[in-house]
Amino acid sequence: MYRYRHSPLSAKQEGAFFNGYVRDSCPFCGSARIGGCGTDGNGARRWRCHGCGRTFTPMDGTIFQGHRLPVSERCEFLVQTFSFESMNGLMREECRPKTTLPYWIAKLF
C-alpha cells in the first residue's frame, strides 16, 4: 500500500509539474527583468535574472527548493498536515523518522 500511495513521478513529470508555475520576478533580488535560460535536468524551466545575474527554477523560493524526495510525497505531506493529523500519526503512517517532520514543518511555515 505504501508503494502504491507514493509512486514517484518521473523526472519528466516533475519538470512538467513545476513548469505550471510561471515566474514573473527573481526570487533572490525581486527584479522583473528575467529571461529564459533553458531547462534543468528534470525538464523544469530555468530563468536568468538580468538584475543580479543568478539563474533560478520554479522551485527556488518555495517549499520545494532543494527537495530530494518525490513531489508526490511532499504534496501528500501537505494534505496530511492541513488535515490536522498529529505529528505522531504522520510519523507512524508514513514510516518517517522523528527528525524529518519538524524540519519539513519549519520549512513550510
Protein backbone atom coordinates (compact mmCIF):
# COMPACT_ATOMS: atom_id res chain seq x y z
CA MET A 1 0.00 0.00 0.00
CA TYR A 2 2.87 2.40 0.81
CA ARG A 3 4.42 1.86 -2.62
CA TYR A 4 1.04 2.42 -4.30
CA ARG A 5 0.38 5.69 -2.45
CA HIS A 6 3.90 7.01 -3.04
CA SER A 7 4.62 6.13 -6.63
CA PRO A 8 7.20 8.75 -7.61
CA LEU A 9 6.78 10.94 -10.64
CA SER A 10 9.37 10.53 -13.32
CA ALA A 11 11.85 13.38 -13.75
CA LYS A 12 9.93 14.48 -16.86
CA GLN A 13 6.62 14.54 -14.96
CA GLU A 14 8.17 16.58 -12.12
CA GLY A 15 9.52 19.08 -14.62
CA ALA A 16 6.08 19.40 -16.22
CA PHE A 17 4.52 19.88 -12.76
CA PHE A 18 6.87 22.73 -11.89
CA ASN A 19 6.61 24.36 -15.32
CA GLY A 20 3.00 25.18 -14.44
CA TYR A 21 4.33 27.84 -12.05
CA VAL A 22 5.41 30.82 -14.12
CA ARG A 23 7.90 33.28 -12.64
CA ASP A 24 7.44 37.00 -13.14
CA SER A 25 10.34 38.15 -10.95
CA CYS A 26 13.61 36.92 -9.49
CA PRO A 27 13.17 35.13 -6.12
CA PHE A 28 16.56 36.44 -4.98
CA CYS A 29 16.51 40.18 -5.80
CA GLY A 30 12.89 40.76 -6.90
CA SER A 31 13.83 42.17 -10.31
CA ALA A 32 11.24 41.74 -13.06
CA ARG A 33 13.97 41.71 -15.72
CA ILE A 34 14.26 37.96 -16.27
CA GLY A 35 14.73 35.84 -19.37
CA GLY A 36 14.55 32.18 -20.32
CA CYS A 37 17.72 30.17 -19.88
CA GLY A 38 16.83 26.60 -20.94
CA THR A 39 15.87 23.73 -18.65
CA ASP A 40 17.39 21.81 -15.75
CA GLY A 41 17.97 18.05 -15.58
CA ASN A 42 14.30 17.37 -14.75
CA GLY A 43 13.00 19.43 -17.64
CA ALA A 44 11.91 22.35 -15.44
CA ARG A 45 12.44 25.78 -16.99
CA ARG A 46 15.34 27.96 -15.88
CA TRP A 47 15.44 31.74 -15.93
CA ARG A 48 18.31 34.19 -15.65
CA CYS A 49 17.88 37.45 -13.78
CA HIS A 50 19.30 40.44 -15.63
CA GLY A 51 19.45 42.36 -12.35
CA CYS A 52 21.61 40.07 -10.21
CA GLY A 53 22.78 37.57 -12.85
CA ARG A 54 21.62 34.46 -10.95
CA THR A 55 19.71 31.61 -12.53
CA PHE A 56 16.67 30.03 -10.91
CA THR A 57 13.94 27.46 -11.45
CA PRO A 58 10.25 27.46 -10.47
CA MET A 59 11.21 25.64 -7.24
CA ASP A 60 13.54 28.35 -5.93
CA GLY A 61 11.94 30.35 -3.14
CA THR A 62 9.26 27.69 -2.48
CA ILE A 63 8.96 24.74 -0.10
CA PHE A 64 10.17 22.51 -2.93
CA GLN A 65 13.58 24.21 -3.15
CA GLY A 66 16.35 21.69 -2.56
CA HIS A 67 13.95 18.76 -2.37
CA ARG A 68 15.29 15.25 -2.59
CA LEU A 69 12.02 13.44 -2.17
CA PRO A 70 9.45 12.98 -4.92
CA VAL A 71 7.00 15.84 -5.27
CA SER A 72 4.13 13.41 -4.77
CA GLU A 73 5.38 12.63 -1.25
CA ARG A 74 5.74 16.32 -0.38
CA CYS A 75 2.20 17.00 -1.61
CA GLU A 76 0.89 14.08 0.44
CA PHE A 77 2.62 15.59 3.49
CA LEU A 78 0.91 18.94 2.85
CA VAL A 79 -2.51 17.31 2.63
CA GLN A 80 -1.91 15.41 5.87
CA THR A 81 -0.56 18.49 7.65
CA PHE A 82 -3.58 20.60 6.78
CA SER A 83 -5.96 17.80 7.77
CA PHE A 84 -4.86 18.33 11.41
CA GLU A 85 -3.34 14.90 11.90
CA SER A 86 -0.94 14.67 14.84
CA MET A 87 2.82 14.54 14.30
CA ASN A 88 2.97 11.09 15.86
CA GLY A 89 0.26 9.94 13.46
CA LEU A 90 2.13 11.37 10.47
CA MET A 91 5.37 9.66 11.51
CA ARG A 92 3.68 6.35 12.16
CA GLU A 93 1.60 6.33 8.96
CA GLU A 94 4.44 7.25 6.61
CA CYS A 95 7.32 5.48 8.44
CA ARG A 96 9.24 8.77 8.77
CA PRO A 97 12.00 9.37 11.32
CA LYS A 98 11.37 11.77 14.22
CA THR A 99 13.66 14.48 12.83
CA THR A 100 12.02 14.74 9.40
CA LEU A 101 8.62 16.20 10.32
CA PRO A 102 9.84 19.11 12.47
CA TYR A 103 12.24 20.05 9.65
CA TRP A 104 9.50 19.91 7.00
CA ILE A 105 7.04 21.84 9.17
CA ALA A 106 9.64 24.54 9.88
CA LYS A 107 10.32 24.81 6.15
CA LEU A 108 6.60 25.01 5.43
CA PHE A 109 5.80 27.75 7.94
